[in-house]
PDB file of N, CA and C in Angstrom:
ATOM      1  N   MET A   1     154.586 111.427 157.311  1.00  0.00           N
ATOM      2  CA  MET A   1     154.391 110.322 158.217  1.00  0.00           C
ATOM      3  C   MET A   1     153.275 109.438 157.674  1.00  0.00           C
ATOM      4  N   SER A   2     153.475 108.146 157.741  1.00  0.00           N
ATOM      5  CA  SER A   2     152.478 107.225 157.217  1.00  0.00           C
ATOM      6  C   SER A   2     151.957 106.339 158.342  1.00  0.00           C
ATOM      7  N   THR A   3     150.670 106.127 158.326  1.00  0.00           N
ATOM      8  CA  THR A   3     150.030 105.278 159.321  1.00  0.00           C
ATOM      9  C   THR A   3     149.392 104.106 158.601  1.00  0.00           C
ATOM     10  N   LYS A   4     149.598 102.913 159.105  1.00  0.00           N
ATOM     11  CA  LYS A   4     149.010 101.730 158.478  1.00  0.00           C
ATOM     12  C   LYS A   4     147.560 101.579 158.929  1.00  0.00           C
ATOM     13  N   HIS A   5     146.731 101.172 157.992  1.00  0.00           N
ATOM     14  CA  HIS A   5     145.349 100.858 158.356  1.00  0.00           C
ATOM     15  C   HIS A   5     145.272  99.377 158.721  1.00  0.00           C
ATOM     16  N   THR A   6     144.142  98.965 159.176  1.00  0.00           N
ATOM     17  CA  THR A   6     143.966  97.573 159.579  1.00  0.00           C
ATOM     18  C   THR A   6     144.136  96.655 158.377  1.00  0.00           C
ATOM     19  N   PRO A   7     144.529  95.411 158.607  1.00  0.00           N
ATOM     20  CA  PRO A   7     144.817  94.499 157.504  1.00  0.00           C
ATOM     21  C   PRO A   7     143.591  94.181 156.643  1.00  0.00           C
ATOM     22  N   THR A   8     143.872  94.052 155.358  1.00  0.00           N
ATOM     23  CA  THR A   8     142.827  93.654 154.413  1.00  0.00           C
ATOM     24  C   THR A   8     143.004  92.173 154.084  1.00  0.00           C
ATOM     25  N   PRO A   9     142.012  91.508 153.566  1.00  0.00           N
ATOM     26  CA  PRO A   9     140.738  92.078 153.129  1.00  0.00           C
ATOM     27  C   PRO A   9     139.786  92.301 154.304  1.00  0.00           C
ATOM     28  N   TRP A  10     138.990  93.353 154.159  1.00  0.00           N
ATOM     29  CA  TRP A  10     137.928  93.585 155.124  1.00  0.00           C
ATOM     30  C   TRP A  10     136.736  92.736 154.708  1.00  0.00           C
ATOM     31  N   LYS A  11     135.908  92.402 155.674  1.00  0.00           N
ATOM     32  CA  LYS A  11     134.727  91.566 155.410  1.00  0.00           C
ATOM     33  C   LYS A  11     133.491  92.238 155.983  1.00  0.00           C
ATOM     34  N   LEU A  12     132.400  92.108 155.260  1.00  0.00           N
ATOM     35  CA  LEU A  12     131.113  92.615 155.725  1.00  0.00           C
ATOM     36  C   LEU A  12     130.339  91.445 156.305  1.00  0.00           C
ATOM     37  N   GLU A  13     130.010  91.559 157.566  1.00  0.00           N
ATOM     38  CA  GLU A  13     129.222  90.533 158.254  1.00  0.00           C
ATOM     39  C   GLU A  13     127.839  91.112 158.548  1.00  0.00           C
ATOM     40  N   LYS A  14     126.830  90.279 158.434  1.00  0.00           N
ATOM     41  CA  LYS A  14     125.463  90.745 158.656  1.00  0.00           C
ATOM     42  C   LYS A  14     124.867  90.056 159.876  1.00  0.00           C
ATOM     43  N   SER A  15     124.171  90.835 160.675  1.00  0.00           N
ATOM     44  CA  SER A  15     123.338  90.272 161.726  1.00  0.00           C
ATOM     45  C   SER A  15     121.927  90.787 161.463  1.00  0.00           C
ATOM     46  N   ARG A  16     121.030  90.553 162.356  1.00  0.00           N
ATOM     47  CA  ARG A  16     119.637  90.888 162.084  1.00  0.00           C
ATOM     48  C   ARG A  16     119.399  92.376 161.815  1.00  0.00           C
ATOM     49  N   PHE A  17     119.950  93.242 162.640  1.00  0.00           N
ATOM     50  CA  PHE A  17     119.699  94.676 162.502  1.00  0.00           C
ATOM     51  C   PHE A  17     120.965  95.505 162.308  1.00  0.00           C
ATOM     52  N   HIS A  18     122.107  94.836 162.171  1.00  0.00           N
ATOM     53  CA  HIS A  18     123.380  95.552 162.042  1.00  0.00           C
ATOM     54  C   HIS A  18     124.246  94.917 160.958  1.00  0.00           C
ATOM     55  N   PHE A  19     125.198  95.690 160.508  1.00  0.00           N
ATOM     56  CA  PHE A  19     126.246  95.200 159.624  1.00  0.00           C
ATOM     57  C   PHE A  19     127.556  95.490 160.331  1.00  0.00           C
ATOM     58  N   HIS A  20     128.468  94.570 160.253  1.00  0.00           N
ATOM     59  CA  HIS A  20     129.751  94.736 160.901  1.00  0.00           C
ATOM     60  C   HIS A  20     130.831  94.647 159.836  1.00  0.00           C
ATOM     61  N   ILE A  21     131.815  95.531 159.918  1.00  0.00           N
ATOM     62  CA  ILE A  21     132.977  95.440 159.056  1.00  0.00           C
ATOM     63  C   ILE A  21     134.131  94.964 159.924  1.00  0.00           C
ATOM     64  N   ASP A  22     134.707  93.827 159.533  1.00  0.00           N
ATOM     65  CA  ASP A  22     135.824  93.235 160.264  1.00  0.00           C
ATOM     66  C   ASP A  22     137.051  93.208 159.366  1.00  0.00           C
ATOM     67  N   ASP A  23     138.242  93.332 159.982  1.00  0.00           N
ATOM     68  CA  ASP A  23     139.465  93.259 159.188  1.00  0.00           C
ATOM     69  C   ASP A  23     139.865  91.809 158.965  1.00  0.00           C
ATOM     70  N   ALA A  24     141.012  91.603 158.331  1.00  0.00           N
ATOM     71  CA  ALA A  24     141.467  90.249 157.988  1.00  0.00           C
ATOM     72  C   ALA A  24     141.700  89.375 159.213  1.00  0.00           C
ATOM     73  N   ASN A  25     141.939  90.010 160.358  1.00  0.00           N
ATOM     74  CA  ASN A  25     142.153  89.257 161.598  1.00  0.00           C
ATOM     75  C   ASN A  25     140.865  89.025 162.375  1.00  0.00           C
ATOM     76  N   GLY A  26     139.753  89.516 161.845  1.00  0.00           N
ATOM     77  CA  GLY A  26     138.480  89.363 162.531  1.00  0.00           C
ATOM     78  C   GLY A  26     138.205  90.460 163.545  1.00  0.00           C
ATOM     79  N   THR A  27     139.047  91.486 163.574  1.00  0.00           N
ATOM     80  CA  THR A  27     138.844  92.603 164.499  1.00  0.00           C
ATOM     81  C   THR A  27     137.760  93.517 163.951  1.00  0.00           C
ATOM     82  N   ARG A  28     136.813  93.868 164.783  1.00  0.00           N
ATOM     83  CA  ARG A  28     135.696  94.729 164.370  1.00  0.00           C
ATOM     84  C   ARG A  28     136.193  96.136 164.093  1.00  0.00           C
ATOM     85  N   ILE A  29     135.873  96.658 162.922  1.00  0.00           N
ATOM     86  CA  ILE A  29     136.242  98.013 162.536  1.00  0.00           C
ATOM     87  C   ILE A  29     135.048  98.949 162.684  1.00  0.00           C
ATOM     88  N   ALA A  30     133.877  98.453 162.304  1.00  0.00           N
ATOM     89  CA  ALA A  30     132.685  99.296 162.352  1.00  0.00           C
ATOM     90  C   ALA A  30     131.456  98.448 162.626  1.00  0.00           C
ATOM     91  N   ASP A  31     130.516  99.048 163.298  1.00  0.00           N
ATOM     92  CA  ASP A  31     129.220  98.443 163.576  1.00  0.00           C
ATOM     93  C   ASP A  31     128.187  99.424 163.042  1.00  0.00           C
ATOM     94  N   ILE A  32     127.449  99.005 162.018  1.00  0.00           N
ATOM     95  CA  ILE A  32     126.548  99.908 161.310  1.00  0.00           C
ATOM     96  C   ILE A  32     125.115  99.415 161.453  1.00  0.00           C
ATOM     97  N   ARG A  33     124.254 100.293 161.931  1.00  0.00           N
ATOM     98  CA  ARG A  33     122.846  99.949 162.107  1.00  0.00           C
ATOM     99  C   ARG A  33     122.144  99.965 160.759  1.00  0.00           C
ATOM    100  N   PHE A  34     121.274  98.983 160.512  1.00  0.00           N
ATOM    101  CA  PHE A  34     120.523  98.935 159.263  1.00  0.00           C
ATOM    102  C   PHE A  34     119.592 100.127 159.197  1.00  0.00           C
ATOM    103  N   CYS A  35     119.542 100.747 158.021  1.00  0.00           N
ATOM    104  CA  CYS A  35     118.656 101.880 157.794  1.00  0.00           C
ATOM    105  C   CYS A  35     118.339 101.933 156.305  1.00  0.00           C
ATOM    106  N   GLN A  36     117.079 102.180 155.977  1.00  0.00           N
ATOM    107  CA  GLN A  36     116.713 102.400 154.579  1.00  0.00           C
ATOM    108  C   GLN A  36     116.332 103.858 154.419  1.00  0.00           C
ATOM    109  N   ARG A  37     116.915 104.496 153.432  1.00  0.00           N
ATOM    110  CA  ARG A  37     116.676 105.917 153.189  1.00  0.00           C
ATOM    111  C   ARG A  37     115.486 106.096 152.245  1.00  0.00           C
ATOM    112  N   PRO A  38     114.937 107.305 152.193  1.00  0.00           N
ATOM    113  CA  PRO A  38     113.798 107.557 151.293  1.00  0.00           C
ATOM    114  C   PRO A  38     114.093 107.247 149.828  1.00  0.00           C
ATOM    115  N   ASP A  39     115.376 107.379 149.409  1.00  0.00           N
ATOM    116  CA  ASP A  39     115.699 107.103 148.007  1.00  0.00           C
ATOM    117  C   ASP A  39     115.855 105.607 147.724  1.00  0.00           C
ATOM    118  N   GLY A  40     115.671 104.764 148.760  1.00  0.00           N
ATOM    119  CA  GLY A  40     115.741 103.319 148.584  1.00  0.00           C
ATOM    120  C   GLY A  40     117.093 102.722 148.904  1.00  0.00           C
ATOM    121  N   SER A  41     118.123 103.567 149.022  1.00  0.00           N
ATOM    122  CA  SER A  41     119.439 103.032 149.373  1.00  0.00           C
ATOM    123  C   SER A  41     119.440 102.593 150.838  1.00  0.00           C
ATOM    124  N   THR A  42     120.363 101.723 151.155  1.00  0.00           N
ATOM    125  CA  THR A  42     120.438 101.209 152.522  1.00  0.00           C
ATOM    126  C   THR A  42     121.857 101.324 153.044  1.00  0.00           C
ATOM    127  N   THR A  43     121.989 101.232 154.346  1.00  0.00           N
ATOM    128  CA  THR A  43     123.321 101.233 154.937  1.00  0.00           C
ATOM    129  C   THR A  43     124.089  99.981 154.532  1.00  0.00           C
ATOM    130  N   GLU A  44     123.392  98.903 154.161  1.00  0.00           N
ATOM    131  CA  GLU A  44     124.087  97.707 153.683  1.00  0.00           C
ATOM    132  C   GLU A  44     124.829  98.022 152.379  1.00  0.00           C
ATOM    133  N   ILE A  45     124.189  98.771 151.497  1.00  0.00           N
ATOM    134  CA  ILE A  45     124.816  99.155 150.234  1.00  0.00           C
ATOM    135  C   ILE A  45     126.056 100.009 150.510  1.00  0.00           C
ATOM    136  N   GLU A  46     125.934 100.948 151.435  1.00  0.00           N
ATOM    137  CA  GLU A  46     127.058 101.821 151.777  1.00  0.00           C
ATOM    138  C   GLU A  46     128.202 101.028 152.421  1.00  0.00           C
ATOM    139  N   ALA A  47     127.869 100.136 153.328  1.00  0.00           N
ATOM    140  CA  ALA A  47     128.893  99.329 153.998  1.00  0.00           C
ATOM    141  C   ALA A  47     129.614  98.428 152.996  1.00  0.00           C
ATOM    142  N   ALA A  48     128.878  97.827 152.076  1.00  0.00           N
ATOM    143  CA  ALA A  48     129.483  96.974 151.057  1.00  0.00           C
ATOM    144  C   ALA A  48     130.402  97.798 150.150  1.00  0.00           C
ATOM    145  N   HIS A  49     130.003  99.024 149.854  1.00  0.00           N
ATOM    146  CA  HIS A  49     130.827  99.909 149.026  1.00  0.00           C
ATOM    147  C   HIS A  49     132.150 100.241 149.734  1.00  0.00           C
ATOM    148  N   ILE A  50     132.086 100.543 151.012  1.00  0.00           N
ATOM    149  CA  ILE A  50     133.297 100.819 151.794  1.00  0.00           C
ATOM    150  C   ILE A  50     134.241  99.628 151.733  1.00  0.00           C
ATOM    151  N   VAL A  51     133.721  98.431 151.949  1.00  0.00           N
ATOM    152  CA  VAL A  51     134.550  97.220 151.941  1.00  0.00           C
ATOM    153  C   VAL A  51     135.183  97.005 150.561  1.00  0.00           C
ATOM    154  N   ARG A  52     134.401  97.166 149.489  1.00  0.00           N
ATOM    155  CA  ARG A  52     134.955  97.011 148.134  1.00  0.00           C
ATOM    156  C   ARG A  52     136.057  98.025 147.864  1.00  0.00           C
ATOM    157  N   CYS A  53     135.844  99.270 148.268  1.00  0.00           N
ATOM    158  CA  CYS A  53     136.855 100.315 148.051  1.00  0.00           C
ATOM    159  C   CYS A  53     138.146  99.998 148.791  1.00  0.00           C
ATOM    160  N   VAL A  54     138.038  99.631 150.035  1.00  0.00           N
ATOM    161  CA  VAL A  54     139.237  99.318 150.818  1.00  0.00           C
ATOM    162  C   VAL A  54     139.954  98.105 150.240  1.00  0.00           C
ATOM    163  N   ASN A  55     139.211  97.072 149.905  1.00  0.00           N
ATOM    164  CA  ASN A  55     139.840  95.838 149.421  1.00  0.00           C
ATOM    165  C   ASN A  55     140.460  95.986 148.037  1.00  0.00           C
ATOM    166  N   SER A  56     140.002  96.922 147.228  1.00  0.00           N
ATOM    167  CA  SER A  56     140.555  97.088 145.887  1.00  0.00           C
ATOM    168  C   SER A  56     141.575  98.226 145.808  1.00  0.00           C
ATOM    169  N   HIS A  57     141.735  98.986 146.860  1.00  0.00           N
ATOM    170  CA  HIS A  57     142.582 100.180 146.851  1.00  0.00           C
ATOM    171  C   HIS A  57     144.015  99.891 146.398  1.00  0.00           C
ATOM    172  N   GLU A  58     144.683  98.945 147.008  1.00  0.00           N
ATOM    173  CA  GLU A  58     146.094  98.680 146.688  1.00  0.00           C
ATOM    174  C   GLU A  58     146.269  98.212 145.242  1.00  0.00           C
ATOM    175  N   ALA A  59     145.383  97.356 144.766  1.00  0.00           N
ATOM    176  CA  ALA A  59     145.481  96.859 143.390  1.00  0.00           C
ATOM    177  C   ALA A  59     145.251  97.987 142.384  1.00  0.00           C
ATOM    178  N   LEU A  60     144.287  98.842 142.647  1.00  0.00           N
ATOM    179  CA  LEU A  60     144.017  99.960 141.736  1.00  0.00           C
ATOM    180  C   LEU A  60     145.177 100.949 141.724  1.00  0.00           C
ATOM    181  N   LEU A  61     145.749 101.219 142.884  1.00  0.00           N
ATOM    182  CA  LEU A  61     146.891 102.115 142.969  1.00  0.00           C
ATOM    183  C   LEU A  61     148.083 101.540 142.204  1.00  0.00           C
ATOM    184  N   ALA A  62     148.327 100.250 142.365  1.00  0.00           N
ATOM    185  CA  ALA A  62     149.427  99.592 141.642  1.00  0.00           C
ATOM    186  C   ALA A  62     149.194  99.649 140.127  1.00  0.00           C
ATOM    187  N   ALA A  63     147.950  99.459 139.688  1.00  0.00           N
ATOM    188  CA  ALA A  63     147.641  99.509 138.261  1.00  0.00           C
ATOM    189  C   ALA A  63     147.882 100.909 137.696  1.00  0.00           C
ATOM    190  N   LEU A  64     147.509 101.932 138.444  1.00  0.00           N
ATOM    191  CA  LEU A  64     147.749 103.304 137.979  1.00  0.00           C
ATOM    192  C   LEU A  64     149.243 103.602 137.890  1.00  0.00           C
ATOM    193  N   LYS A  65     150.002 103.152 138.880  1.00  0.00           N
ATOM    194  CA  LYS A  65     151.454 103.366 138.855  1.00  0.00           C
ATOM    195  C   LYS A  65     152.094 102.622 137.688  1.00  0.00           C
ATOM    196  N   ALA A  66     151.606 101.437 137.368  1.00  0.00           N
ATOM    197  CA  ALA A  66     152.119 100.682 136.221  1.00  0.00           C
ATOM    198  C   ALA A  66     151.797 101.413 134.920  1.00  0.00           C
ATOM    199  N   LEU A  67     150.608 101.978 134.827  1.00  0.00           N
ATOM    200  CA  LEU A  67     150.224 102.748 133.649  1.00  0.00           C
ATOM    201  C   LEU A  67     151.186 103.913 133.437  1.00  0.00           C
ATOM    202  N   ILE A  68     151.489 104.632 134.507  1.00  0.00           N
ATOM    203  CA  ILE A  68     152.408 105.771 134.421  1.00  0.00           C
ATOM    204  C   ILE A  68     153.811 105.302 134.031  1.00  0.00           C
ATOM    205  N   ALA A  69     154.262 104.194 134.620  1.00  0.00           N
ATOM    206  CA  ALA A  69     155.607 103.684 134.335  1.00  0.00           C
ATOM    207  C   ALA A  69     155.740 103.249 132.879  1.00  0.00           C
ATOM    208  N   GLU A  70     154.701 102.640 132.327  1.00  0.00           N
ATOM    209  CA  GLU A  70     154.752 102.143 130.951  1.00  0.00           C
ATOM    210  C   GLU A  70     154.552 103.237 129.913  1.00  0.00           C
ATOM    211  N   SER A  71     153.800 104.258 130.269  1.00  0.00           N
ATOM    212  CA  SER A  71     153.502 105.340 129.321  1.00  0.00           C
ATOM    213  C   SER A  71     153.674 106.693 130.006  1.00  0.00           C
ATOM    214  N   PRO A  72     154.917 107.055 130.364  1.00  0.00           N
ATOM    215  CA  PRO A  72     155.123 108.292 131.124  1.00  0.00           C
ATOM    216  C   PRO A  72     154.742 109.556 130.364  1.00  0.00           C
ATOM    217  N   ASN A  73     154.695 109.507 129.036  1.00  0.00           N
ATOM    218  CA  ASN A  73     154.373 110.692 128.244  1.00  0.00           C
ATOM    219  C   ASN A  73     152.892 110.806 127.904  1.00  0.00           C
ATOM    220  N   GLN A  74     152.114 109.853 128.355  1.00  0.00           N
ATOM    221  CA  GLN A  74     150.663 109.882 128.123  1.00  0.00           C
ATOM    222  C   GLN A  74     150.097 111.085 128.865  1.00  0.00           C
ATOM    223  N   THR A  75     149.400 111.969 128.179  1.00  0.00           N
ATOM    224  CA  THR A  75     148.955 113.185 128.854  1.00  0.00           C
ATOM    225  C   THR A  75     147.577 113.071 129.487  1.00  0.00           C
ATOM    226  N   VAL A  76     146.564 112.754 128.725  1.00  0.00           N
ATOM    227  CA  VAL A  76     145.204 112.754 129.279  1.00  0.00           C
ATOM    228  C   VAL A  76     145.040 111.668 130.337  1.00  0.00           C
ATOM    229  N   ALA A  77     145.286 110.418 129.962  1.00  0.00           N
ATOM    230  CA  ALA A  77     145.158 109.323 130.934  1.00  0.00           C
ATOM    231  C   ALA A  77     146.231 109.439 132.009  1.00  0.00           C
ATOM    232  N   GLY A  78     147.415 109.844 131.618  1.00  0.00           N
ATOM    233  CA  GLY A  78     148.507 109.985 132.576  1.00  0.00           C
ATOM    234  C   GLY A  78     148.218 111.044 133.614  1.00  0.00           C
ATOM    235  N   ASP A  79     147.691 112.182 133.178  1.00  0.00           N
ATOM    236  CA  ASP A  79     147.344 113.238 134.130  1.00  0.00           C
ATOM    237  C   ASP A  79     146.264 112.768 135.095  1.00  0.00           C
ATOM    238  N   ALA A  80     145.276 112.067 134.572  1.00  0.00           N
ATOM    239  CA  ALA A  80     144.204 111.543 135.426  1.00  0.00           C
ATOM    240  C   ALA A  80     144.759 110.508 136.403  1.00  0.00           C
ATOM    241  N   ALA A  81     145.644 109.644 135.920  1.00  0.00           N
ATOM    242  CA  ALA A  81     146.250 108.624 136.777  1.00  0.00           C
ATOM    243  C   ALA A  81     147.108 109.265 137.856  1.00  0.00           C
ATOM    244  N   ARG A  82     147.910 110.267 137.476  1.00  0.00           N
ATOM    245  CA  ARG A  82     148.750 110.952 138.469  1.00  0.00           C
ATOM    246  C   ARG A  82     147.900 111.658 139.518  1.00  0.00           C
ATOM    247  N   ALA A  83     146.801 112.261 139.109  1.00  0.00           N
ATOM    248  CA  ALA A  83     145.903 112.933 140.060  1.00  0.00           C
ATOM    249  C   ALA A  83     145.267 111.921 141.009  1.00  0.00           C
ATOM    250  N   ALA A  84     144.869 110.777 140.475  1.00  0.00           N
ATOM    251  CA  ALA A  84     144.260 109.745 141.316  1.00  0.00           C
ATOM    252  C   ALA A  84     145.292 109.181 142.304  1.00  0.00           C
ATOM    253  N   ILE A  85     146.521 108.990 141.846  1.00  0.00           N
ATOM    254  CA  ILE A  85     147.583 108.493 142.740  1.00  0.00           C
ATOM    255  C   ILE A  85     147.832 109.507 143.847  1.00  0.00           C
ATOM    256  N   ALA A  86     147.914 110.781 143.491  1.00  0.00           N
ATOM    257  CA  ALA A  86     148.147 111.812 144.494  1.00  0.00           C
ATOM    258  C   ALA A  86     147.019 111.841 145.525  1.00  0.00           C
ATOM    259  N   ALA A  87     145.785 111.724 145.072  1.00  0.00           N
ATOM    260  CA  ALA A  87     144.646 111.713 145.995  1.00  0.00           C
ATOM    261  C   ALA A  87     144.675 110.498 146.908  1.00  0.00           C
ATOM    262  N   ALA A  88     145.024 109.350 146.341  1.00  0.00           N
ATOM    263  CA  ALA A  88     145.049 108.112 147.124  1.00  0.00           C
ATOM    264  C   ALA A  88     146.170 108.107 148.148  1.00  0.00           C
ATOM    265  N   GLU A  89     147.274 108.796 147.845  1.00  0.00           N
ATOM    266  CA  GLU A  89     148.414 108.791 148.753  1.00  0.00           C
ATOM    267  C   GLU A  89     148.467 109.987 149.688  1.00  0.00           C
ATOM    268  N   SER A  90     147.494 110.869 149.591  1.00  0.00           N
ATOM    269  CA  SER A  90     147.485 112.040 150.485  1.00  0.00           C
ATOM    270  C   SER A  90     147.000 111.629 151.870  1.00  0.00           C
ATOM    271  N   ASN A  91     147.429 112.379 152.857  1.00  0.00           N
ATOM    272  CA  ASN A  91     147.004 112.083 154.243  1.00  0.00           C
ATOM    273  C   ASN A  91     145.864 112.932 154.611  1.00  0.00           C
TER     274      ASN A  91
END
């Protein structure tokens, strides 16, 4: 069974103390409070990473499938590509 996620591209919106992730229709997906960790990373960095991953997911998956289709006998890269495709398509 497959479930659709909210439409992409997702957008990161910033307010004074929060970050909001909205879908392509402007529907709020997440509201993230600003926080800086001891290692210097911030929730803004994490939120931006989530948005980049979601927005690039379909293109990266298509590129891996094209790699497999063009070079089905490729072992090292092909095995890695097949593993990544399986992980991306798992529920």
